[in-house]
Amino acid sequence: MTDTEQIKTFVSKYYHYLGINKQQEITRLLFEIAKRERIDYIKVTESLPKPPARFSRIKDYLLERRYPSLTKSRQGIRPSFFDITIDPELKVDFTLKPPIQPKNIFIEESVAHTEMVKRVTTHFPESNVEIIKTYKEHVGKRRFGIVDYNKRRENFYLVREDYDFFKKCPCSSNSVFCGYFVVNLGSGCPYECSYCVLQDYINSPGIILPANIEDFFAAFKNLGRDIRCGSCELTDSLAFDHITGYSPLIVEFFRHYPKTLYELKTKSDNIDLLTSVPGARNIIVSWSLNPQKIVETVEHFTAPLAQRLEAAQRCTACGYRVAFHFDPIIYYQGWEADYEALVDMAFHAVDGENVAWVSLGTLRMTPRLKKIIENRFPDNTILDEEFLAGHDGKLRYPKETRRSIYKNMTSWIRKRCKNVRIYLCMEEKSMRLE
């Protein structure tokens, strides 16, 4: 990994006549080119226009080298040139898969008597248990950063949820609304996916699990209508299921509301409790899927692809329907062969009649999330492709790249299942499936 401070020192000395913002742009481009090409930044500087070259000449050269295909197609390039600082202390230690074993369990006094709390404390007899008045009072107004996020598995908070029961999916600005309602039965995930939005979103020192699921059921009754919903916005729907014991309760409750679709979305194979009860066709168990090479290098601690598909088979055998989310699709050289094979594997494992829907989405991130990924996963390769600011300000692959991905994925899926519903997730309204 290139030392960013060395690049900054070089730029400030070599291009001292340029302003701080221009030096920052040069620094970031040098860093990204060196990382993308797997060379030392000094090798990049050898071809730079020499001082006192105008900034426009320097930038044009660096942009052409960092964004070769976009430059060739003469597309406008609007990258993010925010400052770059890599702190080695923030890097994720994912050499060994850590067990889910919290050091501390904090319990709000209002839920201390619940069955879920008894189940969790019994599951972790060696954890320190502390009764607190409320989570809000316990954490105060402190802001939590990446260091806290890296240690989130150490602290569990068992709380009473009073407000955030069913809410409309927060689709990106100007994106197609998916009509989904989010059920927040947890905040925080034990997995370490390099691209995960939770790194940028969650401000918490631990994993938060509501202990009052009966209030979620009551809130649904008060809605007075059927919806499509799921518990997958702020956590993995099944990663903690063996701890909370919630999936059988969810199945039995929504079995009585057959027109409501409840989705359990996961990257795990943690389905033993779920398959301990008869399935219901309105309970959709879904998996986010990527080729195994992406699972191994990007989706750390998650279940291998083969185990996810085996779990999907087991769920359909129990009477559930499943769904597949090819999201985020990661673009790289040779992606077509890997993703076509992935589609074949998914529909070989599960008959199309048992697939409720398929979603497609490509890698996207806020500029702030990009900076977090650089720090937590400094050896990543997913940031090396060409990204532009999209319709919602998020960094995305160029439109033509995304359009090609969706066209190919749709074609491969239709070859295996002609009638399954396919939709785009977090995409702009002008991006239509053919």
Foldseek 3Di string as FASTA:
>chain_A
DAALVVLLVCLCVQAVVDDPLLSLQLSVLLVLLCLLVVHYSVVVCVPADGPPDDSVRRNVVSCCSLAVVCVVVVHDFDDDSDHADADQVLAADQPDQDDLAAQEEEEAPVCCPFPLVVLQCVVHVNHHYHYDNAPCVVVDPDFDASVLLSQQSRYEYEHADDPQAWAQDPFFPQADGPQEIEGAQKAHESWFFLQDPSNVVDGDNYIYGYRCVVVSLVVVVVVVDAGEYEHPDRYQQQPCCSSRVCQVVVQVSCLVVLRHAYEREHLALRCPSVLVDAGHASYEYEYEDDFQVSCVQGTGSGDGPVSVLLSQLSRVVRPYAYEYEPPAQQDDVPSLVRVLVVLVVNCVSPPPVRYQAYEYHHRKAAPVSVSSSCHHPVSDNSVSHRWHQDPRRITDDDPVVVLVVLQSNVVSNCVSPVDHHYYYGSDHPVRDHD
